[in-house]
Amino acid sequence: MARVPVAHPITAASQLSRRRFLAGAAALAGAVSLAACGAGGASSNAGSASAASQPATSASTAQTSVATSAKAAATTSATEQRATSPGVKNPNIRFEMYSDTPNLEKWTKLAADLAKQDPSLRVDVVLITNSYTKYETEMAGGTPPDIMEFESKRMPTFAVQKALYDLTPLAARSTTVKAADFYAVDWGRSQWAGKLFIYPYESKPALIFYNKTLFQNKQVPFPKYTWGDPAWTWDAFLAVAQKLSGGTGAQQTFGYYHPTWWVYAQPYIWSGGGHILDDRRAKSMLDQAPDQTALQFLQDLIYKYKVALSPADAKPGVDKMFYAGRIGMWFNNCGEANILAPVPNVDWDVAPLPLPPGQTVATTRAPADGYAIAAETKQIDAVWKAVDFFGSPESALLTEGVPSRKAVGDAGTYLIAKQPGVNWKNYSDGLANSRDEPVTTEFQDMDSAWGKEFSPYWDNKRTPSQLAAVLAPITTGLLQKAVRS
């Protein structure tokens, strides 16, 4: 299991001002309107469109057990920091989420199941855009949603401002929320300063999706490897990508597509022994040898070996090109499985990340998602009961990724694990071989700055060393403002 980062205590003197936090909302609009866990760049836009049009995920298979857990969730004890307002009877609970339409329909169905068990727990599920900017704006106006879909890497920025409800005492009194029930990596990154601010729900380990039809057409053996297989190296990966590439024009095929959101460069850097930030998370480490080697390899796949798509090559849409058999391998988080599943005539499977020279472990990213509660909620008892139901073991069967609940993940009973012909163990093994993002209270601004400066690198207009030189002072300046112990 990946090492769980040590939480950093927050001191009163080091907290950011509320004014600065709220003023940042407008500036963050561009950065955080990206798909929260998507692959960025061309693939993110195409993938979002595909997700919006895909058929709704069915919840019927888990309906009976979900309904059963509703009764248990409705009786969970929670008398905490704020009691439910005595003058409010059966108030509606507002749950804002941003992922996609299938998740909206799933959570709406779960909300209806919950209301049948306890009519006092009425949850309105709302799909929003510009999610984190909207959360900030609503918090500033005193009208935050009760429940929010929330990513672990963005949580510290909000937690340090006391904008999120401390779930620690709620979890301590619950019979359904225990650390041992969850994957350690997900439980660990749901905390800040030793306190639980996110109810863990799922992770989406990044791995390689491959088009089996293109492999067959090119007479290339499928990459049926497990994580850490010594035969699946960068050299072996490159050889496969070269065999899959060829042709010209609309018939040209590419061995590989790598997303252009900078967070997807991290797994190649980590696997080679590199680090994005130093141990104190105070400065960039992109100028170090392992980081430079990984960045050069990714750039060479596009412009030296010509086996990977450039941003210009990806303009027709990565998803459409993959469906059409023009892309052999695509690095993306496992949420892509739900988008691929209903697409007709696309035969695919998943493979792990390849090993850099001299390494024995490939380390990927696994963006984590869960439920956060606004600190200003006036009905914490009811809200906690609803969240506990949405995060129940039965509800975990319906995740888009790997459930944070370990028993469900290990059993392979969740949706994407049950897709026929797919090596689902690579999903859960990917989570076991994942690392957390370089999370800081300045991640929002860092994401925006790094995304902008990585763009010329992906266009071959900036070398890895030039990229590192540009980002060094920017990153140091941002991280000087970060809250740390």
Protein backbone atom coordinates (compact mmCIF):
# COMPACT_ATOMS: atom_id res chain seq x y z
CA MET A 1 0.00 0.00 0.00
CA ALA A 2 1.28 3.48 -0.75
CA ARG A 3 2.82 5.46 2.06
CA VAL A 4 0.25 7.66 3.76
CA PRO A 5 1.54 11.24 4.06
CA VAL A 6 1.96 12.68 7.54
CA ALA A 7 -0.60 15.34 8.29
CA HIS A 8 0.75 18.80 9.08
CA PRO A 9 -0.68 20.56 12.13
CA ILE A 10 -2.22 23.95 11.56
CA THR A 11 -1.39 26.80 13.88
CA ALA A 12 -3.53 29.88 14.31
CA ALA A 13 -0.67 32.15 13.37
CA SER A 14 -0.12 30.37 10.09
CA GLN A 15 -3.70 30.36 8.84
CA LEU A 16 -4.51 32.25 5.67
CA SER A 17 -6.93 35.13 5.94
CA ARG A 18 -10.55 34.45 5.09
CA ARG A 19 -10.50 37.50 2.82
CA ARG A 20 -7.62 36.08 0.79
CA PHE A 21 -9.36 32.71 0.55
CA LEU A 22 -12.61 34.19 -0.71
CA ALA A 23 -10.88 36.60 -3.06
CA GLY A 24 -9.22 33.62 -4.71
CA ALA A 25 -12.53 32.26 -5.95
CA ALA A 26 -12.68 34.37 -9.08
CA ALA A 27 -9.03 33.78 -9.93
CA LEU A 28 -9.47 30.03 -9.68
CA ALA A 29 -12.34 29.77 -12.13
CA GLY A 30 -10.21 28.71 -15.06
CA ALA A 31 -8.11 26.18 -13.20
CA VAL A 32 -10.76 24.31 -11.29
CA SER A 33 -13.35 24.13 -14.05
CA LEU A 34 -11.33 21.21 -15.45
CA ALA A 35 -12.80 17.78 -14.94
CA ALA A 36 -11.74 17.09 -11.39
CA CYS A 37 -10.12 13.72 -12.01
CA GLY A 38 -9.98 13.76 -15.77
CA ALA A 39 -6.94 13.43 -17.93
CA GLY A 40 -6.82 17.07 -19.03
CA GLY A 41 -6.00 18.46 -22.45
CA ALA A 42 -7.81 17.12 -25.48
CA SER A 43 -8.77 13.89 -23.79
CA SER A 44 -10.43 15.67 -20.90
CA ASN A 45 -12.74 17.64 -23.13
CA ALA A 46 -13.59 14.66 -25.25
CA GLY A 47 -14.00 12.40 -22.25
CA SER A 48 -16.36 14.81 -20.53
CA ALA A 49 -18.56 14.93 -23.58
CA SER A 50 -18.62 11.17 -23.76
CA ALA A 51 -19.49 10.85 -20.09
CA ALA A 52 -22.37 13.27 -20.42
CA SER A 53 -23.93 11.27 -23.23
CA GLN A 54 -23.31 7.78 -21.86
CA PRO A 55 -26.29 5.76 -20.58
CA ALA A 56 -26.97 6.10 -16.87
CA THR A 57 -25.24 3.66 -14.57
CA SER A 58 -27.79 1.16 -13.32
CA ALA A 59 -28.32 0.94 -9.58
CA SER A 60 -30.88 -1.83 -9.76
CA THR A 61 -28.44 -4.62 -8.88
CA ALA A 62 -27.72 -3.08 -5.50
CA GLN A 63 -31.18 -1.65 -4.79
CA THR A 64 -32.21 -4.20 -2.17
CA SER A 65 -29.01 -4.04 -0.16
CA VAL A 66 -28.84 -0.25 -0.48
CA ALA A 67 -32.35 0.06 0.89
CA THR A 68 -31.35 -2.17 3.80
CA SER A 69 -28.35 0.01 4.65
CA ALA A 70 -30.54 3.12 4.59
CA LYS A 71 -32.25 1.95 7.75
CA ALA A 72 -28.89 1.49 9.48
CA ALA A 73 -27.64 4.86 8.27
CA ALA A 74 -30.80 6.58 9.48
CA THR A 75 -30.18 5.33 13.03
CA THR A 76 -26.49 6.30 13.23
CA SER A 77 -25.85 8.41 16.30
CA ALA A 78 -24.46 11.92 15.79
CA THR A 79 -24.76 14.67 18.40
CA GLU A 80 -21.93 16.96 17.47
CA GLN A 81 -20.62 20.50 17.26
CA ARG A 82 -23.92 21.95 15.99
CA ALA A 83 -27.32 20.51 16.69
CA THR A 84 -30.07 20.54 14.08
CA SER A 85 -31.90 23.87 14.22
CA PRO A 86 -34.95 23.24 16.45
CA GLY A 87 -37.18 25.51 14.38
CA VAL A 88 -36.56 23.59 11.14
CA LYS A 89 -38.66 20.49 10.48
CA ASN A 90 -37.54 18.00 7.82
CA PRO A 91 -35.38 20.51 5.93
CA ASN A 92 -34.06 19.45 2.54
CA ILE A 93 -30.38 18.57 2.38
CA ARG A 94 -28.54 20.03 -0.62
CA PHE A 95 -25.87 17.80 -2.19
CA GLU A 96 -23.81 19.43 -4.95
CA MET A 97 -21.72 17.21 -7.22
CA TYR A 98 -19.80 17.85 -10.42
CA SER A 99 -18.59 14.59 -11.94
CA ASP A 100 -21.12 13.61 -14.62
CA THR A 101 -24.72 12.81 -15.49
CA PRO A 102 -24.50 9.06 -14.67
CA ASN A 103 -23.34 9.92 -11.15
CA LEU A 104 -26.13 12.46 -10.84
CA GLU A 105 -28.67 9.77 -11.68
CA LYS A 106 -27.00 7.27 -9.35
CA TRP A 107 -27.00 9.63 -6.37
CA THR A 108 -30.53 10.82 -7.14
CA LYS A 109 -31.66 7.20 -7.05
CA LEU A 110 -29.84 6.62 -3.76
CA ALA A 111 -31.43 9.76 -2.32
CA ALA A 112 -34.86 8.41 -3.24
CA ASP A 113 -34.04 5.07 -1.58
CA LEU A 114 -32.96 6.89 1.56
CA ALA A 115 -36.14 8.99 1.65
CA LYS A 116 -38.27 5.84 1.47
CA GLN A 117 -36.59 4.53 4.61
CA ASP A 118 -36.66 7.84 6.44
CA PRO A 119 -38.90 10.59 4.93
CA SER A 120 -37.13 13.18 7.10
CA LEU A 121 -33.92 12.66 5.11
CA ARG A 122 -34.74 14.44 1.89
CA VAL A 123 -31.64 15.04 -0.25
CA ASP A 124 -31.67 17.25 -3.35
CA VAL A 125 -28.79 16.20 -5.63
CA VAL A 126 -27.62 18.99 -7.96
CA LEU A 127 -25.07 18.76 -10.80
CA ILE A 128 -22.91 21.89 -10.93
CA THR A 129 -20.07 23.29 -13.05
CA ASN A 130 -17.02 25.32 -11.95
CA SER A 131 -17.33 23.24 -8.81
CA TYR A 132 -14.70 24.52 -6.40
CA THR A 133 -15.17 28.12 -7.43
CA LYS A 134 -18.89 27.67 -6.86
CA TYR A 135 -18.27 26.13 -3.45
CA GLU A 136 -16.10 29.11 -2.50
CA THR A 137 -18.65 31.61 -3.78
CA GLU A 138 -21.47 29.95 -1.87
CA MET A 139 -19.38 29.80 1.29
CA ALA A 140 -18.60 33.49 0.96
CA GLY A 141 -22.32 34.21 0.62
CA GLY A 142 -23.28 32.06 3.58
CA THR A 143 -25.20 29.56 1.46
CA PRO A 144 -22.92 26.53 1.04
CA PRO A 145 -24.39 23.15 0.12
CA ASP A 146 -24.70 20.71 2.99
CA ILE A 147 -22.84 17.93 1.15
CA MET A 148 -20.18 18.36 -1.53
CA GLU A 149 -18.44 15.92 -3.83
CA PHE A 150 -14.80 16.63 -2.97
CA GLU A 151 -11.30 15.61 -4.06
CA SER A 152 -8.66 14.95 -1.46
CA LYS A 153 -6.01 17.04 -3.20
CA ARG A 154 -8.20 20.16 -3.01
CA MET A 155 -9.38 19.60 0.55
CA PRO A 156 -6.52 21.26 2.53
CA THR A 157 -7.19 24.66 0.96
CA PHE A 158 -10.72 24.53 2.39
CA ALA A 159 -9.92 22.71 5.62
CA VAL A 160 -7.36 25.28 6.71
CA GLN A 161 -10.03 27.96 6.36
CA LYS A 162 -12.40 25.98 8.56
CA ALA A 163 -14.83 25.85 5.65
CA LEU A 164 -15.34 22.09 6.02
CA TYR A 165 -16.95 20.23 8.90
CA ASP A 166 -14.59 18.18 11.04
CA LEU A 167 -15.92 14.64 10.64
CA THR A 168 -13.55 13.10 13.19
CA PRO A 169 -15.96 12.93 16.15
CA LEU A 170 -18.79 11.78 13.88
CA ALA A 171 -16.68 8.93 12.53
CA ALA A 172 -15.48 8.03 16.02
CA ARG A 173 -19.05 7.46 17.20
CA SER A 174 -20.17 5.65 14.06
CA THR A 175 -20.44 1.89 13.78
CA THR A 176 -20.03 2.05 9.98
CA VAL A 177 -17.01 4.35 9.57
CA LYS A 178 -13.77 2.85 10.87
CA ALA A 179 -10.28 3.37 9.52
CA ALA A 180 -9.77 -0.38 9.11
CA ASP A 181 -12.74 -0.55 6.72
CA PHE A 182 -11.03 1.68 4.17
CA TYR A 183 -7.87 1.46 2.06
CA ALA A 184 -5.16 3.15 4.11
CA VAL A 185 -4.15 5.44 1.26
CA ASP A 186 -7.71 6.78 0.90
CA TRP A 187 -8.28 7.13 4.64
CA GLY A 188 -4.95 8.93 5.07
CA ARG A 189 -5.46 11.53 2.37
CA SER A 190 -8.99 12.27 3.58
CA GLN A 191 -7.40 13.88 6.64
CA TRP A 192 -5.64 17.15 7.31
CA ALA A 193 -3.80 17.97 10.52
CA GLY A 194 -4.97 14.65 11.95
CA LYS A 195 -8.64 15.38 11.36
CA LEU A 196 -11.04 13.72 8.94
CA PHE A 197 -12.59 16.19 6.49
CA ILE A 198 -13.69 13.82 3.72
CA TYR A 199 -15.77 10.66 3.96
CA PRO A 200 -13.76 8.46 1.51
CA TYR A 201 -15.78 7.06 -1.37
CA GLU A 202 -13.58 6.01 -4.29
CA SER A 203 -10.23 6.33 -6.04
CA LYS A 204 -9.43 6.16 -9.73
CA PRO A 205 -5.96 4.71 -10.29
CA ALA A 206 -4.39 5.72 -13.59
CA LEU A 207 -3.31 2.89 -15.87
CA ILE A 208 -3.05 2.04 -19.56
CA PHE A 209 -6.19 1.30 -21.56
CA TYR A 210 -5.37 -0.57 -24.74
CA ASN A 211 -7.36 -1.21 -27.90
CA LYS A 212 -7.24 -4.96 -28.51
CA THR A 213 -8.43 -4.62 -32.10
CA LEU A 214 -5.45 -2.47 -33.10
CA PHE A 215 -3.11 -4.89 -31.37
CA GLN A 216 -4.64 -7.75 -33.34
CA ASN A 217 -4.52 -5.85 -36.63
CA LYS A 218 -0.84 -5.09 -36.09
CA GLN A 219 -0.18 -8.64 -34.83
CA VAL A 220 1.19 -7.37 -31.54
CA PRO A 221 0.72 -9.50 -28.40
CA PHE A 222 -1.51 -7.97 -25.73
CA PRO A 223 0.41 -6.40 -22.80
CA LYS A 224 -0.99 -8.79 -20.21
CA TYR A 225 1.27 -7.75 -17.38
CA THR A 226 0.81 -7.26 -13.66
CA TRP A 227 2.14 -4.29 -11.68
CA GLY A 228 5.90 -4.49 -11.30
CA ASP A 229 6.39 -7.20 -13.94
CA PRO A 230 10.11 -6.95 -14.84
CA ALA A 231 9.30 -7.67 -18.50
CA TRP A 232 7.10 -4.57 -18.83
CA THR A 233 9.78 -1.87 -19.06
CA TRP A 234 9.96 1.49 -20.80
CA ASP A 235 11.91 -0.19 -23.60
CA ALA A 236 9.28 -2.94 -23.98
CA PHE A 237 6.52 -0.33 -23.89
CA LEU A 238 8.28 1.76 -26.56
CA ALA A 239 8.75 -1.31 -28.77
CA VAL A 240 5.04 -2.06 -28.57
CA ALA A 241 4.13 1.57 -29.30
CA GLN A 242 6.39 1.55 -32.37
CA LYS A 243 4.75 -1.57 -33.77
CA LEU A 244 1.31 -0.02 -33.31
CA SER A 245 2.23 3.23 -35.06
CA GLY A 246 2.10 3.85 -38.78
CA GLY A 247 0.26 5.22 -41.78
CA THR A 248 -0.59 8.80 -42.70
CA GLY A 249 -3.49 11.21 -42.68
CA ALA A 250 -6.84 10.04 -41.39
CA GLN A 251 -5.57 6.45 -41.34
CA GLN A 252 -2.51 7.15 -39.21
CA THR A 253 -2.28 5.09 -36.04
CA PHE A 254 -0.46 5.99 -32.84
CA GLY A 255 0.91 3.62 -30.25
CA TYR A 256 0.18 5.86 -27.30
CA TYR A 257 -1.57 8.93 -26.00
CA HIS A 258 -0.42 10.68 -22.84
CA PRO A 259 -2.68 13.31 -21.23
CA THR A 260 -1.36 16.85 -21.15
CA TRP A 261 -2.52 17.72 -17.63
CA TRP A 262 0.74 17.94 -15.66
CA VAL A 263 -0.49 15.62 -12.89
CA TYR A 264 -0.27 12.72 -15.36
CA ALA A 265 3.49 13.27 -15.72
CA GLN A 266 3.83 12.47 -12.02
CA PRO A 267 3.59 8.65 -12.32
CA TYR A 268 6.51 8.51 -14.76
CA ILE A 269 8.54 10.77 -12.47
CA TRP A 270 7.61 8.84 -9.32
CA SER A 271 8.31 5.48 -10.94
CA GLY A 272 11.83 6.63 -11.80
CA GLY A 273 12.51 7.66 -8.22
CA GLY A 274 11.74 11.35 -8.66
CA HIS A 275 9.61 13.81 -6.71
CA ILE A 276 7.48 16.71 -7.81
CA LEU A 277 8.15 18.72 -4.66
CA ASP A 278 10.72 18.31 -1.91
CA ASP A 279 9.86 16.61 1.37
CA ARG A 280 8.75 19.88 2.97
CA ARG A 281 6.68 20.69 -0.11
CA ALA A 282 8.47 24.01 -0.27
CA LYS A 283 10.05 23.91 -3.74
CA SER A 284 9.90 22.19 -7.13
CA MET A 285 12.11 19.16 -7.79
CA LEU A 286 11.66 19.10 -11.57
CA ASP A 287 15.31 20.01 -12.11
CA GLN A 288 16.47 16.74 -10.53
CA ALA A 289 17.77 13.90 -12.72
CA PRO A 290 14.86 11.42 -12.28
CA ASP A 291 12.32 14.14 -13.07
CA GLN A 292 14.25 15.28 -16.12
CA THR A 293 14.63 11.71 -17.40
CA ALA A 294 10.89 11.08 -17.15
CA LEU A 295 9.94 14.40 -18.75
CA GLN A 296 12.38 13.79 -21.59
CA PHE A 297 10.99 10.30 -22.18
CA LEU A 298 7.42 11.58 -22.44
CA GLN A 299 8.44 14.33 -24.82
CA ASP A 300 10.53 11.91 -26.90
CA LEU A 301 7.56 9.56 -27.31
CA ILE A 302 5.87 12.37 -29.24
CA TYR A 303 8.63 14.16 -31.11
CA LYS A 304 11.61 11.77 -31.33
CA TYR A 305 10.02 8.36 -31.66
CA LYS A 306 6.74 9.71 -33.09
CA VAL A 307 4.65 7.01 -31.43
CA ALA A 308 2.50 9.29 -29.26
CA LEU A 309 0.04 12.00 -30.21
CA SER A 310 1.01 15.64 -29.91
CA PRO A 311 -1.68 18.12 -28.81
CA ALA A 312 -2.17 18.96 -32.49
CA ASP A 313 -2.61 15.28 -33.41
CA ALA A 314 -5.26 14.94 -30.71
CA LYS A 315 -7.56 17.63 -32.10
CA PRO A 316 -10.03 15.14 -33.69
CA GLY A 317 -10.72 13.86 -30.16
CA VAL A 318 -8.74 11.23 -28.29
CA ASP A 319 -11.82 9.24 -27.39
CA LYS A 320 -13.04 9.05 -30.99
CA MET A 321 -9.58 8.09 -32.22
CA PHE A 322 -9.33 5.35 -29.61
CA TYR A 323 -12.78 4.00 -30.51
CA ALA A 324 -11.79 3.98 -34.19
CA GLY A 325 -8.65 1.95 -33.51
CA ARG A 326 -6.23 4.78 -34.24
CA ILE A 327 -4.71 4.81 -30.73
CA GLY A 328 -3.27 1.64 -29.25
CA MET A 329 -2.63 2.67 -25.63
CA TRP A 330 -4.08 5.51 -23.57
CA PHE A 331 -2.93 6.48 -20.09
CA ASN A 332 -5.96 7.56 -18.08
CA ASN A 333 -7.64 7.03 -14.74
CA CYS A 334 -9.89 4.01 -14.40
CA GLY A 335 -13.05 6.11 -14.57
CA GLU A 336 -12.60 5.85 -18.34
CA ALA A 337 -13.81 2.25 -18.04
CA ASN A 338 -17.39 3.41 -17.51
CA ILE A 339 -17.19 5.57 -20.63
CA LEU A 340 -15.75 2.78 -22.76
CA ALA A 341 -18.10 0.05 -21.55
CA PRO A 342 -21.23 1.12 -23.50
CA VAL A 343 -19.36 2.05 -26.70
CA PRO A 344 -20.18 -0.59 -29.35
CA ASN A 345 -17.51 -2.54 -31.20
CA VAL A 346 -14.61 -1.42 -29.01
CA ASP A 347 -12.63 -4.32 -27.53
CA TRP A 348 -10.28 -3.14 -24.79
CA ASP A 349 -8.43 -4.12 -21.65
CA VAL A 350 -6.10 -2.47 -19.12
CA ALA A 351 -2.39 -2.79 -18.37
CA PRO A 352 -0.15 -1.34 -15.64
CA LEU A 353 2.36 1.46 -15.99
CA PRO A 354 5.73 0.26 -17.38
CA LEU A 355 8.92 0.24 -15.32
CA PRO A 356 11.73 2.77 -15.90
CA PRO A 357 15.29 1.43 -16.26
CA GLY A 358 16.62 -0.11 -13.06
CA GLN A 359 13.31 0.17 -11.18
CA THR A 360 11.17 -2.61 -9.71
CA VAL A 361 8.02 -0.66 -8.81
CA ALA A 362 5.79 1.48 -11.00
CA THR A 363 3.94 4.14 -9.03
CA THR A 364 0.78 5.74 -10.36
CA ARG A 365 -1.64 8.42 -9.28
CA ALA A 366 -5.10 7.52 -7.97
CA PRO A 367 -7.23 10.64 -7.58
CA ALA A 368 -9.49 10.22 -4.57
CA ASP A 369 -13.06 11.42 -4.26
CA GLY A 370 -15.43 11.55 -1.31
CA TYR A 371 -18.04 13.53 0.57
CA ALA A 372 -17.36 16.75 2.47
CA ILE A 373 -19.82 18.62 4.66
CA ALA A 374 -19.89 22.40 4.83
CA ALA A 375 -18.85 23.76 8.21
CA GLU A 376 -21.86 26.06 8.21
CA THR A 377 -24.47 23.34 7.88
CA LYS A 378 -27.32 23.82 10.35
CA GLN A 379 -28.53 20.21 10.30
CA ILE A 380 -25.48 18.08 10.95
CA ASP A 381 -27.35 15.07 12.39
CA ALA A 382 -29.45 14.63 9.25
CA VAL A 383 -26.57 15.45 6.91
CA TRP A 384 -24.26 12.88 8.54
CA LYS A 385 -26.93 10.19 8.25
CA ALA A 386 -27.28 10.97 4.53
CA VAL A 387 -23.51 10.94 3.96
CA ASP A 388 -23.14 7.67 5.84
CA PHE A 389 -25.77 6.14 3.59
CA PHE A 390 -24.12 7.44 0.39
CA GLY A 391 -20.83 5.96 1.61
CA SER A 392 -22.20 2.60 2.77
CA PRO A 393 -20.71 -0.72 1.60
CA GLU A 394 -23.79 -1.28 -0.56
CA SER A 395 -23.48 2.13 -2.20
CA ALA A 396 -19.79 1.38 -2.78
CA LEU A 397 -20.85 -1.27 -5.30
CA LEU A 398 -21.87 1.59 -7.60
CA THR A 399 -18.62 3.58 -7.68
CA GLU A 400 -17.10 4.74 -10.98
CA GLY A 401 -13.67 3.71 -9.75
CA VAL A 402 -12.20 1.51 -7.01
CA PRO A 403 -14.30 1.79 -3.82
CA SER A 404 -12.50 3.22 -0.81
CA ARG A 405 -14.11 0.48 1.25
CA LYS A 406 -11.47 -2.24 1.23
CA ALA A 407 -13.79 -5.26 1.45
CA VAL A 408 -15.68 -4.21 -1.66
CA GLY A 409 -12.51 -3.32 -3.58
CA ASP A 410 -10.74 -6.57 -2.72
CA ALA A 411 -13.78 -8.66 -3.63
CA GLY A 412 -14.07 -7.12 -7.09
CA THR A 413 -17.82 -6.71 -6.74
CA TYR A 414 -17.93 -3.07 -7.87
CA LEU A 415 -19.13 -1.98 -11.31
CA ILE A 416 -15.94 -1.68 -13.36
CA ALA A 417 -14.56 -4.88 -11.85
CA LYS A 418 -17.50 -6.78 -13.28
CA GLN A 419 -16.99 -5.66 -16.88
CA PRO A 420 -16.38 -8.82 -18.94
CA GLY A 421 -12.94 -9.55 -20.34
CA VAL A 422 -11.14 -6.86 -18.33
CA ASN A 423 -8.28 -7.55 -15.92
CA TRP A 424 -9.89 -5.71 -13.00
CA LYS A 425 -7.08 -6.64 -10.60
CA ASN A 426 -4.97 -4.01 -12.34
CA TYR A 427 -7.37 -1.41 -10.91
CA SER A 428 -7.01 -2.44 -7.27
CA ASP A 429 -3.29 -3.19 -7.69
CA GLY A 430 -2.93 0.27 -9.19
CA LEU A 431 -4.40 1.75 -6.03
CA ALA A 432 -1.98 -0.31 -3.95
CA ASN A 433 0.88 1.11 -6.05
CA SER A 434 -0.27 4.72 -5.97
CA ARG A 435 1.04 7.86 -4.37
CA ASP A 436 -0.73 10.96 -3.19
CA GLU A 437 -0.59 14.25 -5.08
CA PRO A 438 1.88 16.84 -3.73
CA VAL A 439 -0.97 18.37 -1.76
CA THR A 440 -0.54 21.78 -0.17
CA THR A 441 -2.91 24.54 0.81
CA GLU A 442 -1.75 26.27 -2.38
CA PHE A 443 -2.61 23.38 -4.72
CA GLN A 444 -5.32 25.36 -6.49
CA ASP A 445 -2.94 28.14 -7.56
CA MET A 446 -0.13 25.68 -8.21
CA ASP A 447 -2.36 23.65 -10.53
CA SER A 448 -3.20 26.76 -12.54
CA ALA A 449 0.42 27.93 -12.84
CA TRP A 450 1.84 24.52 -13.68
CA GLY A 451 -0.83 23.87 -16.28
CA LYS A 452 0.05 27.10 -18.06
CA GLU A 453 3.82 26.52 -18.01
CA PHE A 454 3.58 22.86 -19.07
CA SER A 455 1.74 23.80 -22.28
CA PRO A 456 4.88 24.85 -24.27
CA TYR A 457 6.60 21.67 -23.08
CA TRP A 458 3.87 19.49 -24.59
CA ASP A 459 4.16 21.53 -27.81
CA ASN A 460 7.94 20.87 -27.96
CA LYS A 461 8.65 24.57 -27.51
CA ARG A 462 10.27 24.13 -24.11
CA THR A 463 12.76 21.49 -22.98
CA PRO A 464 12.41 19.70 -19.65
CA SER A 465 15.27 21.75 -18.20
CA GLN A 466 13.69 24.99 -19.41
CA LEU A 467 10.38 23.93 -17.90
CA ALA A 468 12.05 23.26 -14.55
CA ALA A 469 13.80 26.64 -14.63
CA VAL A 470 10.56 28.50 -15.34
CA LEU A 471 8.56 26.70 -12.65
CA ALA A 472 11.17 26.90 -9.87
CA PRO A 473 10.61 30.53 -8.76
CA ILE A 474 6.86 30.37 -9.41
CA THR A 475 6.50 27.29 -7.23
CA THR A 476 8.71 28.59 -4.44
CA GLY A 477 6.72 31.81 -4.33
CA LEU A 478 3.43 29.96 -4.08
CA LEU A 479 4.60 27.49 -1.47
CA GLN A 480 6.01 30.22 0.76
CA LYS A 481 2.37 31.07 1.47
CA ALA A 482 1.39 27.48 2.28
CA VAL A 483 0.25 26.48 5.74
CA ARG A 484 2.55 23.88 7.27
CA SER A 485 3.73 22.73 10.65
